PDB file of N, CA and C in Angstrom:
ATOM      1  N   MET A   1       0.150  47.815 289.985  1.00  0.00           N
ATOM      2  CA  MET A   1       1.385  48.419 289.529  1.00  0.00           C
ATOM      3  C   MET A   1       2.368  47.319 289.142  1.00  0.00           C
ATOM      4  N   THR A   2       3.103  47.561 288.077  1.00  0.00           N
ATOM      5  CA  THR A   2       4.177  46.664 287.672  1.00  0.00           C
ATOM      6  C   THR A   2       5.454  47.127 288.351  1.00  0.00           C
ATOM      7  N   THR A   3       6.180  46.191 288.938  1.00  0.00           N
ATOM      8  CA  THR A   3       7.463  46.482 289.578  1.00  0.00           C
ATOM      9  C   THR A   3       8.549  45.676 288.887  1.00  0.00           C
ATOM     10  N   VAL A   4       9.626  46.361 288.526  1.00  0.00           N
ATOM     11  CA  VAL A   4      10.777  45.695 287.921  1.00  0.00           C
ATOM     12  C   VAL A   4      11.983  45.959 288.810  1.00  0.00           C
ATOM     13  N   GLU A   5      12.607  44.890 289.268  1.00  0.00           N
ATOM     14  CA  GLU A   5      13.821  44.987 290.066  1.00  0.00           C
ATOM     15  C   GLU A   5      14.992  44.507 289.228  1.00  0.00           C
ATOM     16  N   PHE A   6      16.047  45.323 289.162  1.00  0.00           N
ATOM     17  CA  PHE A   6      17.286  44.933 288.500  1.00  0.00           C
ATOM     18  C   PHE A   6      18.296  44.614 289.590  1.00  0.00           C
ATOM     19  N   TYR A   7      18.963  43.474 289.459  1.00  0.00           N
ATOM     20  CA  TYR A   7      19.924  43.025 290.459  1.00  0.00           C
ATOM     21  C   TYR A   7      21.332  43.415 290.021  1.00  0.00           C
ATOM     22  N   ASP A   8      22.045  44.082 290.925  1.00  0.00           N
ATOM     23  CA  ASP A   8      23.387  44.590 290.634  1.00  0.00           C
ATOM     24  C   ASP A   8      24.367  44.016 291.647  1.00  0.00           C
ATOM     25  N   GLN A   9      25.440  43.425 291.128  1.00  0.00           N
ATOM     26  CA  GLN A   9      26.503  42.922 292.001  1.00  0.00           C
ATOM     27  C   GLN A   9      27.815  43.544 291.529  1.00  0.00           C
ATOM     28  N   GLY A  10      28.284  44.517 292.270  1.00  0.00           N
ATOM     29  CA  GLY A  10      29.548  45.155 291.955  1.00  0.00           C
ATOM     30  C   GLY A  10      29.585  45.828 290.594  1.00  0.00           C
ATOM     31  N   GLY A  11      28.477  46.434 290.185  1.00  0.00           N
ATOM     32  CA  GLY A  11      28.423  47.111 288.900  1.00  0.00           C
ATOM     33  C   GLY A  11      28.010  46.223 287.743  1.00  0.00           C
ATOM     34  N   ARG A  12      27.787  44.944 287.994  1.00  0.00           N
ATOM     35  CA  ARG A  12      27.326  44.010 286.965  1.00  0.00           C
ATOM     36  C   ARG A  12      25.847  43.734 287.192  1.00  0.00           C
ATOM     37  N   ILE A  13      25.033  43.978 286.177  1.00  0.00           N
ATOM     38  CA  ILE A  13      23.621  43.623 286.275  1.00  0.00           C
ATOM     39  C   ILE A  13      23.537  42.111 286.098  1.00  0.00           C
ATOM     40  N   THR A  14      23.014  41.429 287.103  1.00  0.00           N
ATOM     41  CA  THR A  14      22.975  39.964 287.068  1.00  0.00           C
ATOM     42  C   THR A  14      21.608  39.421 286.676  1.00  0.00           C
ATOM     43  N   GLY A  15      20.622  40.312 286.544  1.00  0.00           N
ATOM     44  CA  GLY A  15      19.301  39.869 286.133  1.00  0.00           C
ATOM     45  C   GLY A  15      18.237  40.848 286.557  1.00  0.00           C
ATOM     46  N   PHE A  16      16.996  40.416 286.398  1.00  0.00           N
ATOM     47  CA  PHE A  16      15.864  41.255 286.765  1.00  0.00           C
ATOM     48  C   PHE A  16      14.667  40.386 287.081  1.00  0.00           C
ATOM     49  N   CYS A  17      13.691  40.978 287.753  1.00  0.00           N
ATOM     50  CA  CYS A  17      12.406  40.343 288.004  1.00  0.00           C
ATOM     51  C   CYS A  17      11.326  41.389 287.759  1.00  0.00           C
ATOM     52  N   CYS A  18      10.387  41.049 286.920  1.00  0.00           N
ATOM     53  CA  CYS A  18       9.281  41.933 286.559  1.00  0.00           C
ATOM     54  C   CYS A  18       8.000  41.255 287.019  1.00  0.00           C
ATOM     55  N   ARG A  19       7.197  41.975 287.830  1.00  0.00           N
ATOM     56  CA  ARG A  19       5.980  41.346 288.341  1.00  0.00           C
ATOM     57  C   ARG A  19       4.841  42.345 288.459  1.00  0.00           C
ATOM     58  N   GLY A  20       3.652  41.812 288.284  1.00  0.00           N
ATOM     59  CA  GLY A  20       2.436  42.582 288.494  1.00  0.00           C
ATOM     60  C   GLY A  20       1.888  43.224 287.240  1.00  0.00           C
ATOM     61  N   HIS A  21       0.592  43.488 287.281  1.00  0.00           N
ATOM     62  CA  HIS A  21      -0.091  44.193 286.191  1.00  0.00           C
ATOM     63  C   HIS A  21      -0.096  45.682 286.514  1.00  0.00           C
ATOM     64  N   SER A  22       0.084  46.493 285.505  1.00  0.00           N
ATOM     65  CA  SER A  22       0.177  47.937 285.742  1.00  0.00           C
ATOM     66  C   SER A  22      -1.134  48.535 286.234  1.00  0.00           C
ATOM     67  N   GLY A  23      -2.250  48.032 285.749  1.00  0.00           N
ATOM     68  CA  GLY A  23      -3.536  48.594 286.128  1.00  0.00           C
ATOM     69  C   GLY A  23      -3.905  49.837 285.342  1.00  0.00           C
ATOM     70  N   TYR A  24      -3.174  50.114 284.279  1.00  0.00           N
ATOM     71  CA  TYR A  24      -3.472  51.290 283.451  1.00  0.00           C
ATOM     72  C   TYR A  24      -4.805  51.131 282.728  1.00  0.00           C
ATOM     73  N   ALA A  25      -5.088  49.919 282.269  1.00  0.00           N
ATOM     74  CA  ALA A  25      -6.339  49.633 281.559  1.00  0.00           C
ATOM     75  C   ALA A  25      -6.654  48.149 281.727  1.00  0.00           C
ATOM     76  N   GLU A  26      -7.782  47.722 281.178  1.00  0.00           N
ATOM     77  CA  GLU A  26      -8.165  46.323 281.240  1.00  0.00           C
ATOM     78  C   GLU A  26      -7.154  45.461 280.470  1.00  0.00           C
ATOM     79  N   ALA A  27      -7.060  44.201 280.865  1.00  0.00           N
ATOM     80  CA  ALA A  27      -6.185  43.262 280.159  1.00  0.00           C
ATOM     81  C   ALA A  27      -6.537  43.262 278.675  1.00  0.00           C
ATOM     82  N   GLY A  28      -5.518  43.287 277.854  1.00  0.00           N
ATOM     83  CA  GLY A  28      -5.727  43.329 276.418  1.00  0.00           C
ATOM     84  C   GLY A  28      -5.741  44.733 275.850  1.00  0.00           C
ATOM     85  N   ALA A  29      -5.915  45.737 276.713  1.00  0.00           N
ATOM     86  CA  ALA A  29      -5.926  47.126 276.273  1.00  0.00           C
ATOM     87  C   ALA A  29      -4.924  47.973 277.064  1.00  0.00           C
ATOM     88  N   ASP A  30      -4.096  47.325 277.866  1.00  0.00           N
ATOM     89  CA  ASP A  30      -3.166  48.019 278.759  1.00  0.00           C
ATOM     90  C   ASP A  30      -1.853  48.300 278.026  1.00  0.00           C
ATOM     91  N   ILE A  31      -1.675  49.549 277.603  1.00  0.00           N
ATOM     92  CA  ILE A  31      -0.480  49.896 276.830  1.00  0.00           C
ATOM     93  C   ILE A  31       0.792  49.865 277.669  1.00  0.00           C
ATOM     94  N   VAL A  32       0.685  50.102 278.974  1.00  0.00           N
ATOM     95  CA  VAL A  32       1.861  50.055 279.829  1.00  0.00           C
ATOM     96  C   VAL A  32       2.351  48.611 279.941  1.00  0.00           C
ATOM     97  N   CYS A  33       1.435  47.687 280.224  1.00  0.00           N
ATOM     98  CA  CYS A  33       1.825  46.272 280.290  1.00  0.00           C
ATOM     99  C   CYS A  33       2.386  45.790 278.954  1.00  0.00           C
ATOM    100  N   ALA A  34       1.763  46.209 277.865  1.00  0.00           N
ATOM    101  CA  ALA A  34       2.238  45.796 276.542  1.00  0.00           C
ATOM    102  C   ALA A  34       3.647  46.315 276.283  1.00  0.00           C
ATOM    103  N   ALA A  35       3.919  47.546 276.644  1.00  0.00           N
ATOM    104  CA  ALA A  35       5.250  48.114 276.434  1.00  0.00           C
ATOM    105  C   ALA A  35       6.301  47.399 277.278  1.00  0.00           C
ATOM    106  N   VAL A  36       5.979  47.152 278.543  1.00  0.00           N
ATOM    107  CA  VAL A  36       6.916  46.458 279.432  1.00  0.00           C
ATOM    108  C   VAL A  36       7.171  45.047 278.921  1.00  0.00           C
ATOM    109  N   THR A  37       6.124  44.334 278.578  1.00  0.00           N
ATOM    110  CA  THR A  37       6.263  42.962 278.094  1.00  0.00           C
ATOM    111  C   THR A  37       7.120  42.904 276.835  1.00  0.00           C
ATOM    112  N   THR A  38       6.891  43.811 275.918  1.00  0.00           N
ATOM    113  CA  THR A  38       7.662  43.829 274.678  1.00  0.00           C
ATOM    114  C   THR A  38       9.137  44.093 274.953  1.00  0.00           C
ATOM    115  N   ALA A  39       9.436  45.065 275.798  1.00  0.00           N
ATOM    116  CA  ALA A  39      10.831  45.381 276.117  1.00  0.00           C
ATOM    117  C   ALA A  39      11.517  44.198 276.802  1.00  0.00           C
ATOM    118  N   VAL A  40      10.829  43.571 277.753  1.00  0.00           N
ATOM    119  CA  VAL A  40      11.408  42.446 278.486  1.00  0.00           C
ATOM    120  C   VAL A  40      11.629  41.251 277.551  1.00  0.00           C
ATOM    121  N   ARG A  41      10.673  40.957 276.693  1.00  0.00           N
ATOM    122  CA  ARG A  41      10.826  39.843 275.754  1.00  0.00           C
ATOM    123  C   ARG A  41      11.976  40.082 274.789  1.00  0.00           C
ATOM    124  N   MET A  42      12.106  41.308 274.284  1.00  0.00           N
ATOM    125  CA  MET A  42      13.200  41.626 273.377  1.00  0.00           C
ATOM    126  C   MET A  42      14.548  41.421 274.067  1.00  0.00           C
ATOM    127  N   ALA A  43      14.653  41.880 275.303  1.00  0.00           N
ATOM    128  CA  ALA A  43      15.902  41.712 276.044  1.00  0.00           C
ATOM    129  C   ALA A  43      16.210  40.232 276.270  1.00  0.00           C
ATOM    130  N   GLU A  44      15.214  39.465 276.690  1.00  0.00           N
ATOM    131  CA  GLU A  44      15.440  38.030 276.949  1.00  0.00           C
ATOM    132  C   GLU A  44      15.839  37.304 275.670  1.00  0.00           C
ATOM    133  N   CYS A  45      15.169  37.578 274.583  1.00  0.00           N
ATOM    134  CA  CYS A  45      15.515  36.929 273.304  1.00  0.00           C
ATOM    135  C   CYS A  45      16.914  37.303 272.845  1.00  0.00           C
ATOM    136  N   THR A  46      17.274  38.562 272.994  1.00  0.00           N
ATOM    137  CA  THR A  46      18.613  38.999 272.588  1.00  0.00           C
ATOM    138  C   THR A  46      19.680  38.343 273.450  1.00  0.00           C
ATOM    139  N   ILE A  47      19.464  38.328 274.757  1.00  0.00           N
ATOM    140  CA  ILE A  47      20.444  37.755 275.677  1.00  0.00           C
ATOM    141  C   ILE A  47      20.622  36.258 275.434  1.00  0.00           C
ATOM    142  N   ASN A  48      19.519  35.525 275.332  1.00  0.00           N
ATOM    143  CA  ASN A  48      19.620  34.072 275.202  1.00  0.00           C
ATOM    144  C   ASN A  48      19.773  33.585 273.763  1.00  0.00           C
ATOM    145  N   ASP A  49      18.963  34.087 272.859  1.00  0.00           N
ATOM    146  CA  ASP A  49      18.943  33.547 271.504  1.00  0.00           C
ATOM    147  C   ASP A  49      19.998  34.159 270.586  1.00  0.00           C
ATOM    148  N   VAL A  50      20.309  35.436 270.769  1.00  0.00           N
ATOM    149  CA  VAL A  50      21.310  36.082 269.919  1.00  0.00           C
ATOM    150  C   VAL A  50      22.698  35.949 270.538  1.00  0.00           C
ATOM    151  N   CYS A  51      22.819  36.267 271.831  1.00  0.00           N
ATOM    152  CA  CYS A  51      24.129  36.234 272.491  1.00  0.00           C
ATOM    153  C   CYS A  51      24.491  34.859 273.040  1.00  0.00           C
ATOM    154  N   GLY A  52      23.498  33.987 273.190  1.00  0.00           N
ATOM    155  CA  GLY A  52      23.760  32.639 273.703  1.00  0.00           C
ATOM    156  C   GLY A  52      24.187  32.595 275.151  1.00  0.00           C
ATOM    157  N   ALA A  53      23.701  33.521 275.952  1.00  0.00           N
ATOM    158  CA  ALA A  53      24.149  33.633 277.342  1.00  0.00           C
ATOM    159  C   ALA A  53      23.623  32.534 278.255  1.00  0.00           C
ATOM    160  N   ARG A  54      22.587  31.838 277.855  1.00  0.00           N
ATOM    161  CA  ARG A  54      21.990  30.772 278.666  1.00  0.00           C
ATOM    162  C   ARG A  54      21.547  31.255 280.043  1.00  0.00           C
ATOM    163  N   ALA A  55      20.923  32.411 280.051  1.00  0.00           N
ATOM    164  CA  ALA A  55      20.358  32.939 281.297  1.00  0.00           C
ATOM    165  C   ALA A  55      19.146  32.105 281.682  1.00  0.00           C
ATOM    166  N   ARG A  56      18.939  31.944 282.971  1.00  0.00           N
ATOM    167  CA  ARG A  56      17.751  31.239 283.461  1.00  0.00           C
ATOM    168  C   ARG A  56      16.577  32.195 283.430  1.00  0.00           C
ATOM    169  N   THR A  57      15.513  31.776 282.808  1.00  0.00           N
ATOM    170  CA  THR A  57      14.308  32.598 282.794  1.00  0.00           C
ATOM    171  C   THR A  57      13.166  31.825 283.443  1.00  0.00           C
ATOM    172  N   LYS A  58      12.319  32.580 284.091  1.00  0.00           N
ATOM    173  CA  LYS A  58      11.146  32.002 284.741  1.00  0.00           C
ATOM    174  C   LYS A  58       9.947  32.851 284.335  1.00  0.00           C
ATOM    175  N   VAL A  59       8.887  32.202 283.889  1.00  0.00           N
ATOM    176  CA  VAL A  59       7.653  32.900 283.527  1.00  0.00           C
ATOM    177  C   VAL A  59       6.517  32.237 284.285  1.00  0.00           C
ATOM    178  N   ARG A  60       5.762  33.053 284.999  1.00  0.00           N
ATOM    179  CA  ARG A  60       4.570  32.579 285.701  1.00  0.00           C
ATOM    180  C   ARG A  60       3.436  33.517 285.336  1.00  0.00           C
ATOM    181  N   GLU A  61       2.705  33.146 284.296  1.00  0.00           N
ATOM    182  CA  GLU A  61       1.644  34.025 283.797  1.00  0.00           C
ATOM    183  C   GLU A  61       0.574  34.295 284.844  1.00  0.00           C
ATOM    184  N   GLU A  62       0.228  33.287 285.652  1.00  0.00           N
ATOM    185  CA  GLU A  62      -0.811  33.478 286.663  1.00  0.00           C
ATOM    186  C   GLU A  62      -0.388  34.489 287.728  1.00  0.00           C
ATOM    187  N   GLU A  63       0.917  34.707 287.885  1.00  0.00           N
ATOM    188  CA  GLU A  63       1.425  35.686 288.842  1.00  0.00           C
ATOM    189  C   GLU A  63       1.902  36.960 288.135  1.00  0.00           C
ATOM    190  N   ALA A  64       1.777  37.005 286.825  1.00  0.00           N
ATOM    191  CA  ALA A  64       2.288  38.128 286.023  1.00  0.00           C
ATOM    192  C   ALA A  64       3.748  38.383 286.364  1.00  0.00           C
ATOM    193  N   LEU A  65       4.570  37.323 286.252  1.00  0.00           N
ATOM    194  CA  LEU A  65       5.967  37.399 286.645  1.00  0.00           C
ATOM    195  C   LEU A  65       6.858  36.861 285.534  1.00  0.00           C
ATOM    196  N   ILE A  66       7.948  37.567 285.275  1.00  0.00           N
ATOM    197  CA  ILE A  66       9.029  37.041 284.447  1.00  0.00           C
ATOM    198  C   ILE A  66      10.335  37.474 285.088  1.00  0.00           C
ATOM    199  N   SER A  67      11.250  36.532 285.206  1.00  0.00           N
ATOM    200  CA  SER A  67      12.553  36.861 285.773  1.00  0.00           C
ATOM    201  C   SER A  67      13.640  36.265 284.900  1.00  0.00           C
ATOM    202  N   LEU A  68      14.806  36.860 284.989  1.00  0.00           N
ATOM    203  CA  LEU A  68      15.969  36.410 284.239  1.00  0.00           C
ATOM    204  C   LEU A  68      17.183  36.543 285.133  1.00  0.00           C
ATOM    205  N   ARG A  69      17.994  35.494 285.169  1.00  0.00           N
ATOM    206  CA  ARG A  69      19.243  35.496 285.940  1.00  0.00           C
ATOM    207  C   ARG A  69      20.369  35.039 285.031  1.00  0.00           C
ATOM    208  N   LEU A  70      21.433  35.837 284.987  1.00  0.00           N
ATOM    209  CA  LEU A  70      22.589  35.489 284.168  1.00  0.00           C
ATOM    210  C   LEU A  70      23.447  34.441 284.864  1.00  0.00           C
ATOM    211  N   PRO A  71      24.168  33.640 284.092  1.00  0.00           N
ATOM    212  CA  PRO A  71      25.165  32.775 284.698  1.00  0.00           C
ATOM    213  C   PRO A  71      26.325  33.633 285.227  1.00  0.00           C
ATOM    214  N   ALA A  72      27.219  33.034 285.979  1.00  0.00           N
ATOM    215  CA  ALA A  72      28.333  33.774 286.569  1.00  0.00           C
ATOM    216  C   ALA A  72      29.187  34.458 285.504  1.00  0.00           C
ATOM    217  N   GLN A  73      29.318  33.817 284.333  1.00  0.00           N
ATOM    218  CA  GLN A  73      30.097  34.392 283.235  1.00  0.00           C
ATOM    219  C   GLN A  73      29.361  34.185 281.932  1.00  0.00           C
ATOM    220  N   CYS A  74      29.449  35.186 281.050  1.00  0.00           N
ATOM    221  CA  CYS A  74      28.845  35.107 279.722  1.00  0.00           C
ATOM    222  C   CYS A  74      29.929  35.347 278.683  1.00  0.00           C
ATOM    223  N   ASP A  75      29.864  34.620 277.575  1.00  0.00           N
ATOM    224  CA  ASP A  75      30.822  34.843 276.498  1.00  0.00           C
ATOM    225  C   ASP A  75      30.671  36.249 275.915  1.00  0.00           C
ATOM    226  N   GLU A  76      29.476  36.731 275.821  1.00  0.00           N
ATOM    227  CA  GLU A  76      29.187  38.048 275.250  1.00  0.00           C
ATOM    228  C   GLU A  76      28.825  39.036 276.363  1.00  0.00           C
ATOM    229  N   GLU A  77      29.621  39.055 277.419  1.00  0.00           N
ATOM    230  CA  GLU A  77      29.300  39.837 278.623  1.00  0.00           C
ATOM    231  C   GLU A  77      29.036  41.314 278.317  1.00  0.00           C
ATOM    232  N   GLU A  78      29.878  41.927 277.529  1.00  0.00           N
ATOM    233  CA  GLU A  78      29.715  43.358 277.244  1.00  0.00           C
ATOM    234  C   GLU A  78      28.387  43.634 276.533  1.00  0.00           C
ATOM    235  N   THR A  79      28.052  42.797 275.583  1.00  0.00           N
ATOM    236  CA  THR A  79      26.793  42.965 274.853  1.00  0.00           C
ATOM    237  C   THR A  79      25.604  42.708 275.761  1.00  0.00           C
ATOM    238  N   VAL A  80      25.675  41.663 276.559  1.00  0.00           N
ATOM    239  CA  VAL A  80      24.584  41.331 277.482  1.00  0.00           C
ATOM    240  C   VAL A  80      24.361  42.473 278.468  1.00  0.00           C
ATOM    241  N   GLN A  81      25.440  43.043 278.987  1.00  0.00           N
ATOM    242  CA  GLN A  81      25.305  44.169 279.914  1.00  0.00           C
ATOM    243  C   GLN A  81      24.689  45.383 279.217  1.00  0.00           C
ATOM    244  N   ALA A  82      25.051  45.595 277.954  1.00  0.00           N
ATOM    245  CA  ALA A  82      24.468  46.703 277.197  1.00  0.00           C
ATOM    246  C   ALA A  82      22.968  46.494 277.006  1.00  0.00           C
ATOM    247  N   VAL A  83      22.562  45.262 276.729  1.00  0.00           N
ATOM    248  CA  VAL A  83      21.136  44.959 276.557  1.00  0.00           C
ATOM    249  C   VAL A  83      20.383  45.213 277.864  1.00  0.00           C
ATOM    250  N   LEU A  84      20.928  44.746 278.981  1.00  0.00           N
ATOM    251  CA  LEU A  84      20.266  44.945 280.271  1.00  0.00           C
ATOM    252  C   LEU A  84      20.223  46.422 280.661  1.00  0.00           C
ATOM    253  N   ALA A  85      21.297  47.157 280.395  1.00  0.00           N
ATOM    254  CA  ALA A  85      21.299  48.594 280.678  1.00  0.00           C
ATOM    255  C   ALA A  85      20.268  49.303 279.800  1.00  0.00           C
ATOM    256  N   GLY A  86      20.171  48.893 278.539  1.00  0.00           N
ATOM    257  CA  GLY A  86      19.169  49.468 277.647  1.00  0.00           C
ATOM    258  C   GLY A  86      17.756  49.175 278.108  1.00  0.00           C
ATOM    259  N   LEU A  87      17.535  47.952 278.597  1.00  0.00           N
ATOM    260  CA  LEU A  87      16.224  47.600 279.141  1.00  0.00           C
ATOM    261  C   LEU A  87      15.895  48.478 280.336  1.00  0.00           C
ATOM    262  N   MET A  88      16.857  48.650 281.228  1.00  0.00           N
ATOM    263  CA  MET A  88      16.615  49.470 282.412  1.00  0.00           C
ATOM    264  C   MET A  88      16.287  50.912 282.008  1.00  0.00           C
ATOM    265  N   LEU A  89      17.030  51.466 281.076  1.00  0.00           N
ATOM    266  CA  LEU A  89      16.761  52.837 280.629  1.00  0.00           C
ATOM    267  C   LEU A  89      15.389  52.957 279.968  1.00  0.00           C
ATOM    268  N   THR A  90      15.040  51.971 279.147  1.00  0.00           N
ATOM    269  CA  THR A  90      13.725  51.973 278.488  1.00  0.00           C
ATOM    270  C   THR A  90      12.609  51.958 279.521  1.00  0.00           C
ATOM    271  N   LEU A  91      12.742  51.097 280.514  1.00  0.00           N
ATOM    272  CA  LEU A  91      11.710  50.999 281.543  1.00  0.00           C
ATOM    273  C   LEU A  91      11.674  52.246 282.427  1.00  0.00           C
ATOM    274  N   CYS A  92      12.824  52.871 282.655  1.00  0.00           N
ATOM    275  CA  CYS A  92      12.835  54.123 283.423  1.00  0.00           C
ATOM    276  C   CYS A  92      12.127  55.237 282.648  1.00  0.00           C
ATOM    277  N   GLU A  93      12.297  55.263 281.335  1.00  0.00           N
ATOM    278  CA  GLU A  93      11.573  56.239 280.510  1.00  0.00           C
ATOM    279  C   GLU A  93      10.069  56.006 280.615  1.00  0.00           C
ATOM    280  N   LEU A  94       9.649  54.748 280.545  1.00  0.00           N
ATOM    281  CA  LEU A  94       8.226  54.421 280.696  1.00  0.00           C
ATOM    282  C   LEU A  94       7.729  54.800 282.085  1.00  0.00           C
ATOM    283  N   ARG A  95       8.525  54.539 283.087  1.00  0.00           N
ATOM    284  CA  ARG A  95       8.150  54.904 284.464  1.00  0.00           C
ATOM    285  C   ARG A  95       7.944  56.409 284.591  1.00  0.00           C
ATOM    286  N   ASP A  96       8.814  57.173 283.945  1.00  0.00           N
ATOM    287  CA  ASP A  96       8.679  58.629 284.004  1.00  0.00           C
ATOM    288  C   ASP A  96       7.388  59.105 283.333  1.00  0.00           C
ATOM    289  N   GLU A  97       6.952  58.391 282.298  1.00  0.00           N
ATOM    290  CA  GLU A  97       5.705  58.733 281.605  1.00  0.00           C
ATOM    291  C   GLU A  97       4.470  58.241 282.360  1.00  0.00           C
ATOM    292  N   TYR A  98       4.611  57.114 283.058  1.00  0.00           N
ATOM    293  CA  TYR A  98       3.471  56.479 283.742  1.00  0.00           C
ATOM    294  C   TYR A  98       3.853  56.134 285.185  1.00  0.00           C
ATOM    295  N   PRO A  99       4.178  57.136 286.008  1.00  0.00           N
ATOM    296  CA  PRO A  99       4.691  56.865 287.350  1.00  0.00           C
ATOM    297  C   PRO A  99       3.721  56.159 288.290  1.00  0.00           C
ATOM    298  N   ASP A 100       2.433  56.223 288.010  1.00  0.00           N
ATOM    299  CA  ASP A 100       1.458  55.553 288.872  1.00  0.00           C
ATOM    300  C   ASP A 100       1.285  54.081 288.530  1.00  0.00           C
ATOM    301  N   TYR A 101       1.941  53.629 287.468  1.00  0.00           N
ATOM    302  CA  TYR A 101       1.699  52.277 286.969  1.00  0.00           C
ATOM    303  C   TYR A 101       2.949  51.411 286.863  1.00  0.00           C
ATOM    304  N   LEU A 102       4.132  52.020 287.003  1.00  0.00           N
ATOM    305  CA  LEU A 102       5.387  51.276 286.823  1.00  0.00           C
ATOM    306  C   LEU A 102       6.430  51.786 287.802  1.00  0.00           C
ATOM    307  N   GLU A 103       7.093  50.835 288.446  1.00  0.00           N
ATOM    308  CA  GLU A 103       8.185  51.139 289.379  1.00  0.00           C
ATOM    309  C   GLU A 103       9.416  50.363 288.930  1.00  0.00           C
ATOM    310  N   VAL A 104      10.568  51.032 288.888  1.00  0.00           N
ATOM    311  CA  VAL A 104      11.823  50.395 288.489  1.00  0.00           C
ATOM    312  C   VAL A 104      12.812  50.601 289.630  1.00  0.00           C
ATOM    313  N   LEU A 105      13.381  49.499 290.117  1.00  0.00           N
ATOM    314  CA  LEU A 105      14.283  49.541 291.258  1.00  0.00           C
ATOM    315  C   LEU A 105      15.609  48.850 290.926  1.00  0.00           C
ATOM    316  N   GLU A 106      16.685  49.346 291.541  1.00  0.00           N
ATOM    317  CA  GLU A 106      17.975  48.664 291.482  1.00  0.00           C
ATOM    318  C   GLU A 106      18.222  48.051 292.848  1.00  0.00           C
ATOM    319  N   VAL A 107      18.526  46.766 292.861  1.00  0.00           N
ATOM    320  CA  VAL A 107      18.765  46.054 294.121  1.00  0.00           C
ATOM    321  C   VAL A 107      20.224  45.645 294.158  1.00  0.00           C
ATOM    322  N   GLN A 108      20.904  46.065 295.210  1.00  0.00           N
ATOM    323  CA  GLN A 108      22.335  45.745 295.357  1.00  0.00           C
ATOM    324  C   GLN A 108      22.510  44.401 296.034  1.00  0.00           C
TER     325      GLN A 108
END
């Protein structure tokens, strides 16, 4: 199962950690993993490359892990928060479609 944790501090999403393989299908044919990976990559690229937020990202392919942590302040804070909220909603929609393969959590 893939687990995605979103970190919330006082109503501000400060980052996320996505880990694990969904187990929906074999590697290379797993549509759940592909959907999650695409959504997470789009969010990371938008936050760092488009908004210039300089979030710290960590990728460990051998652990099937990607995490992102925002700095204390972002110049494009409103946009970055919208991207993270959109990512969370997208992943919640996927979770609702594939509840045995994806878990989405908010961590305070």
